[in-house]
Amino acid sequence: MRVLLRDKKSRRYYAGSNGWDAAIAQALLFTSVPQAAKFAFDEKVPEAEIVVRSDLLEQEVTLPLLPEWCDFHQRGSAGN
C-alpha cells in the first residue's frame, strides 16, 4: 500500500523538499494515513488530500484531510 499527499486543485503529489510534482513516481511515500494527515496539518497544507494506492486495486482511494486522521496525542503516544 502506498500513502501519498496530493493537492486537490493542481492534482500534483507532494514530493518532499522538491515541492509538488505531477509525476506519481516522484511523490513522497508516507507509512500510514495518520502520518500523512499529521504531516499535512503540521506543514499547513489543508488543500491536500490523502491518496491510498495498492498494487492489488486498479483504482486509488482518496480521503479528505481530517484532523481525526492524526490524533496521535489522544491515543496515548509517549513523548509527544
Protein backbone atom coordinates (compact mmCIF):
# COMPACT_ATOMS: atom_id res chain seq x y z
CA MET A 1 0.00 0.00 0.00
CA ARG A 2 1.25 3.48 -0.86
CA VAL A 3 0.05 6.57 1.01
CA LEU A 4 0.59 9.93 -0.67
CA LEU A 5 -0.47 13.57 -0.40
CA ARG A 6 -1.96 15.30 -3.42
CA ASP A 7 -3.06 18.89 -3.96
CA LYS A 8 -6.79 18.83 -4.69
CA LYS A 9 -6.70 21.62 -7.26
CA SER A 10 -3.48 21.02 -9.17
CA ARG A 11 -3.56 17.22 -8.75
CA ARG A 12 0.20 17.31 -8.06
CA TYR A 13 1.75 15.00 -5.48
CA TYR A 14 3.85 16.15 -2.56
CA ALA A 15 7.46 15.30 -3.42
CA GLY A 16 9.26 16.28 -0.22
CA SER A 17 11.86 19.04 -0.44
CA ASN A 18 11.22 19.20 -4.19
CA GLY A 19 7.75 20.63 -3.58
CA TRP A 20 4.85 19.31 -5.65
CA ASP A 21 5.24 17.15 -8.77
CA ALA A 22 2.81 15.85 -11.38
CA ALA A 23 4.62 12.50 -11.55
CA ILE A 24 3.42 9.98 -9.01
CA ALA A 25 6.84 8.32 -9.18
CA GLN A 26 8.34 11.45 -7.56
CA ALA A 27 5.81 11.52 -4.71
CA LEU A 28 6.94 11.17 -1.11
CA LEU A 29 5.58 7.95 0.40
CA PHE A 30 4.11 8.04 3.89
CA THR A 31 3.97 4.95 6.09
CA SER A 32 0.34 5.46 7.08
CA VAL A 33 -2.74 7.63 6.69
CA PRO A 34 -2.25 9.16 10.16
CA GLN A 35 1.36 10.06 9.33
CA ALA A 36 0.31 11.76 6.07
CA ALA A 37 -2.51 13.64 7.81
CA LYS A 38 -0.26 14.81 10.65
CA PHE A 39 2.35 15.99 8.17
CA ALA A 40 -0.25 17.92 6.16
CA PHE A 41 -1.60 19.66 9.27
CA ASP A 42 1.86 20.33 10.70
CA GLU A 43 3.06 21.82 7.40
CA LYS A 44 -0.21 23.74 6.94
CA VAL A 45 -1.29 22.25 3.61
CA PRO A 46 -5.04 21.91 4.18
CA GLU A 47 -5.63 21.92 0.42
CA ALA A 48 -4.17 18.42 0.28
CA GLU A 49 -5.97 15.11 0.14
CA ILE A 50 -4.65 11.70 1.11
CA VAL A 51 -4.32 9.16 -1.68
CA VAL A 52 -4.05 5.45 -0.93
CA ARG A 53 -2.92 3.17 -3.75
CA SER A 54 -2.42 -0.56 -3.82
CA ASP A 55 -1.00 -2.84 -6.48
CA LEU A 56 -3.97 -5.13 -5.86
CA LEU A 57 -6.53 -2.48 -6.81
CA GLU A 58 -6.77 -0.71 -10.13
CA GLN A 59 -8.31 2.37 -8.53
CA GLU A 60 -6.97 4.66 -5.87
CA VAL A 61 -8.79 5.64 -2.71
CA THR A 62 -8.91 9.35 -1.91
CA LEU A 63 -9.51 10.52 1.65
CA PRO A 64 -10.28 14.04 2.82
CA LEU A 65 -7.82 15.67 5.15
CA LEU A 66 -9.48 15.41 8.56
CA PRO A 67 -7.99 16.15 12.00
CA GLU A 68 -9.29 12.77 13.23
CA TRP A 69 -6.79 11.00 10.99
CA CYS A 70 -3.85 12.31 13.04
CA ASP A 71 -4.99 12.28 16.67
CA PHE A 72 -1.79 10.66 17.93
CA HIS A 73 -1.97 12.51 21.26
CA GLN A 74 -5.34 11.04 22.21
CA ARG A 75 -4.10 7.50 21.57
CA GLY A 76 -1.59 7.79 24.37
CA SER A 77 1.64 8.12 22.41
CA ALA A 78 4.54 8.93 24.73
CA GLY A 79 6.91 11.81 24.27
CA ASN A 80 4.66 13.98 22.07
